[in-house]
Amino acid sequence: IHRTEDSQGIPKLKEDARAGGKIAGNARKQLEKKLGKSVVSQKRFIEKTENDLTLPEIEK
């Protein structure tokens, strides 16, 4: 969303993040409805590794 709309500034970036989260949440709910069960569980939890703590460099 940010890249498509070329969002600038914290308020707009927060709005984009909320919109993306809402889209992801709706997709999860639709999937759960179709499957008839939750896709989120402690059984599927993945522990963070040391590599997960650092953001990768993005080429410009």
N, C-alpha and C. Protein backbone atom coordinates (compact mmCIF):
# COMPACT_ATOMS: atom_id res chain seq x y z
N ILE A 1 0.84 -1.18 0.00
CA ILE A 1 0.00 0.00 0.00
C ILE A 1 0.88 1.24 0.00
N HIS A 2 1.89 1.23 0.86
CA HIS A 2 2.79 2.38 0.97
C HIS A 2 3.47 2.67 -0.36
N ARG A 3 3.98 1.64 -1.00
CA ARG A 3 4.70 1.85 -2.26
C ARG A 3 3.76 2.28 -3.37
N THR A 4 2.57 1.70 -3.43
CA THR A 4 1.61 2.05 -4.47
C THR A 4 1.14 3.49 -4.33
N GLU A 5 0.88 3.91 -3.10
CA GLU A 5 0.37 5.25 -2.86
C GLU A 5 1.47 6.27 -2.58
N ASP A 6 2.74 5.82 -2.54
CA ASP A 6 3.88 6.69 -2.23
C ASP A 6 3.61 7.52 -0.98
N SER A 7 3.19 6.84 0.07
CA SER A 7 2.81 7.50 1.32
C SER A 7 4.01 8.18 1.97
N GLN A 8 3.76 9.35 2.52
CA GLN A 8 4.79 10.13 3.20
C GLN A 8 4.27 10.56 4.56
N GLY A 9 5.12 10.48 5.57
CA GLY A 9 4.74 10.95 6.90
C GLY A 9 4.12 9.86 7.76
N ILE A 10 4.32 10.00 9.05
CA ILE A 10 3.85 9.01 10.02
C ILE A 10 2.33 8.78 9.96
N PRO A 11 1.50 9.82 9.93
CA PRO A 11 0.05 9.56 9.91
C PRO A 11 -0.39 8.70 8.72
N LYS A 12 0.13 8.99 7.54
CA LYS A 12 -0.26 8.23 6.35
C LYS A 12 0.30 6.81 6.41
N LEU A 13 1.52 6.65 6.92
CA LEU A 13 2.11 5.31 7.04
C LEU A 13 1.33 4.47 8.04
N LYS A 14 0.87 5.09 9.14
CA LYS A 14 0.05 4.37 10.12
C LYS A 14 -1.27 3.94 9.49
N GLU A 15 -1.85 4.81 8.69
CA GLU A 15 -3.10 4.50 7.99
C GLU A 15 -2.90 3.31 7.04
N ASP A 16 -1.77 3.31 6.32
CA ASP A 16 -1.46 2.21 5.41
C ASP A 16 -1.28 0.90 6.18
N ALA A 17 -0.60 0.96 7.32
CA ALA A 17 -0.38 -0.24 8.14
C ALA A 17 -1.71 -0.79 8.65
N ARG A 18 -2.58 0.09 9.09
CA ARG A 18 -3.91 -0.35 9.55
C ARG A 18 -4.70 -1.00 8.42
N ALA A 19 -4.64 -0.39 7.24
CA ALA A 19 -5.37 -0.93 6.08
C ALA A 19 -4.83 -2.32 5.73
N GLY A 20 -3.51 -2.47 5.72
CA GLY A 20 -2.91 -3.77 5.43
C GLY A 20 -3.29 -4.81 6.46
N GLY A 21 -3.30 -4.42 7.73
CA GLY A 21 -3.69 -5.33 8.80
C GLY A 21 -5.14 -5.75 8.68
N LYS A 22 -5.98 -4.82 8.29
CA LYS A 22 -7.40 -5.13 8.13
C LYS A 22 -7.60 -6.12 6.98
N ILE A 23 -6.87 -5.91 5.89
CA ILE A 23 -6.95 -6.82 4.75
C ILE A 23 -6.50 -8.22 5.16
N ALA A 24 -5.37 -8.30 5.87
CA ALA A 24 -4.85 -9.60 6.33
C ALA A 24 -5.82 -10.27 7.29
N GLY A 25 -6.38 -9.49 8.20
CA GLY A 25 -7.34 -10.04 9.16
C GLY A 25 -8.58 -10.59 8.49
N ASN A 26 -9.08 -9.85 7.51
CA ASN A 26 -10.26 -10.31 6.77
C ASN A 26 -9.96 -11.59 5.99
N ALA A 27 -8.76 -11.65 5.40
CA ALA A 27 -8.37 -12.86 4.65
C ALA A 27 -8.31 -14.06 5.59
N ARG A 28 -7.74 -13.87 6.78
CA ARG A 28 -7.65 -14.97 7.76
C ARG A 28 -9.05 -15.43 8.17
N LYS A 29 -9.93 -14.48 8.44
CA LYS A 29 -11.29 -14.84 8.85
C LYS A 29 -12.04 -15.58 7.75
N GLN A 30 -11.86 -15.16 6.50
CA GLN A 30 -12.50 -15.86 5.39
C GLN A 30 -11.97 -17.28 5.26
N LEU A 31 -10.66 -17.45 5.42
CA LEU A 31 -10.06 -18.78 5.34
C LEU A 31 -10.57 -19.68 6.46
N GLU A 32 -10.63 -19.14 7.68
CA GLU A 32 -11.12 -19.91 8.81
C GLU A 32 -12.58 -20.31 8.61
N LYS A 33 -13.37 -19.42 8.04
CA LYS A 33 -14.78 -19.74 7.78
C LYS A 33 -14.89 -20.87 6.76
N LYS A 34 -14.06 -20.81 5.72
CA LYS A 34 -14.09 -21.84 4.68
C LYS A 34 -13.61 -23.18 5.23
N LEU A 35 -12.56 -23.17 6.07
CA LEU A 35 -12.01 -24.41 6.62
C LEU A 35 -12.84 -24.95 7.77
N GLY A 36 -13.55 -24.06 8.44
CA GLY A 36 -14.34 -24.47 9.60
C GLY A 36 -13.51 -24.64 10.86
N LYS A 37 -12.31 -24.08 10.86
CA LYS A 37 -11.46 -24.14 12.05
C LYS A 37 -10.47 -22.98 12.04
N SER A 38 -9.89 -22.71 13.20
CA SER A 38 -8.93 -21.62 13.34
C SER A 38 -7.60 -21.99 12.68
N VAL A 39 -6.95 -21.01 12.07
CA VAL A 39 -5.63 -21.24 11.50
C VAL A 39 -4.54 -20.71 12.42
N VAL A 40 -4.94 -20.08 13.51
CA VAL A 40 -4.00 -19.54 14.49
C VAL A 40 -4.06 -20.41 15.73
N SER A 41 -2.89 -20.91 16.17
CA SER A 41 -2.86 -21.73 17.38
C SER A 41 -1.46 -21.73 17.97
N GLN A 42 -1.36 -22.12 19.24
CA GLN A 42 -0.05 -22.24 19.88
C GLN A 42 0.77 -23.33 19.21
N LYS A 43 0.11 -24.32 18.67
CA LYS A 43 0.80 -25.43 18.00
C LYS A 43 1.59 -24.94 16.78
N ARG A 44 1.09 -23.90 16.13
CA ARG A 44 1.74 -23.37 14.93
C ARG A 44 2.70 -22.22 15.22
N PHE A 45 2.86 -21.87 16.49
CA PHE A 45 3.73 -20.75 16.87
C PHE A 45 5.17 -21.06 16.50
N ILE A 46 5.86 -20.10 15.89
CA ILE A 46 7.26 -20.27 15.51
C ILE A 46 8.10 -19.32 16.36
N GLU A 47 9.07 -19.86 17.06
CA GLU A 47 9.97 -19.05 17.88
C GLU A 47 10.84 -18.17 16.99
N LYS A 48 11.15 -16.97 17.48
CA LYS A 48 12.05 -16.09 16.75
C LYS A 48 13.48 -16.62 16.85
N THR A 49 14.23 -16.44 15.78
CA THR A 49 15.65 -16.77 15.80
C THR A 49 16.43 -15.47 15.79
N GLU A 50 17.72 -15.56 15.97
CA GLU A 50 18.56 -14.35 15.97
C GLU A 50 18.44 -13.61 14.64
N ASN A 51 18.29 -14.35 13.54
CA ASN A 51 18.17 -13.73 12.22
C ASN A 51 16.88 -12.93 12.06
N ASP A 52 15.84 -13.28 12.80
CA ASP A 52 14.55 -12.59 12.70
C ASP A 52 14.59 -11.20 13.34
N LEU A 53 15.59 -10.95 14.16
CA LEU A 53 15.64 -9.69 14.89
C LEU A 53 16.18 -8.53 14.07
N THR A 54 16.79 -8.81 12.92
CA THR A 54 17.39 -7.78 12.10
C THR A 54 16.64 -7.68 10.77
N LEU A 55 16.27 -6.47 10.40
CA LEU A 55 15.60 -6.27 9.12
C LEU A 55 16.61 -6.37 7.98
N PRO A 56 16.25 -7.00 6.88
CA PRO A 56 17.17 -7.10 5.75
C PRO A 56 17.30 -5.76 5.05
N GLU A 57 18.44 -5.56 4.41
CA GLU A 57 18.65 -4.34 3.63
C GLU A 57 17.80 -4.39 2.37
N ILE A 58 17.23 -3.27 1.99
CA ILE A 58 16.41 -3.19 0.78
C ILE A 58 17.20 -2.42 -0.27
N GLU A 59 17.36 -3.04 -1.43
CA GLU A 59 18.07 -2.37 -2.51
C GLU A 59 17.18 -1.28 -3.10
N LYS A 60 17.78 -0.16 -3.42
CA LYS A 60 17.02 0.96 -3.98
C LYS A 60 17.22 1.07 -5.47
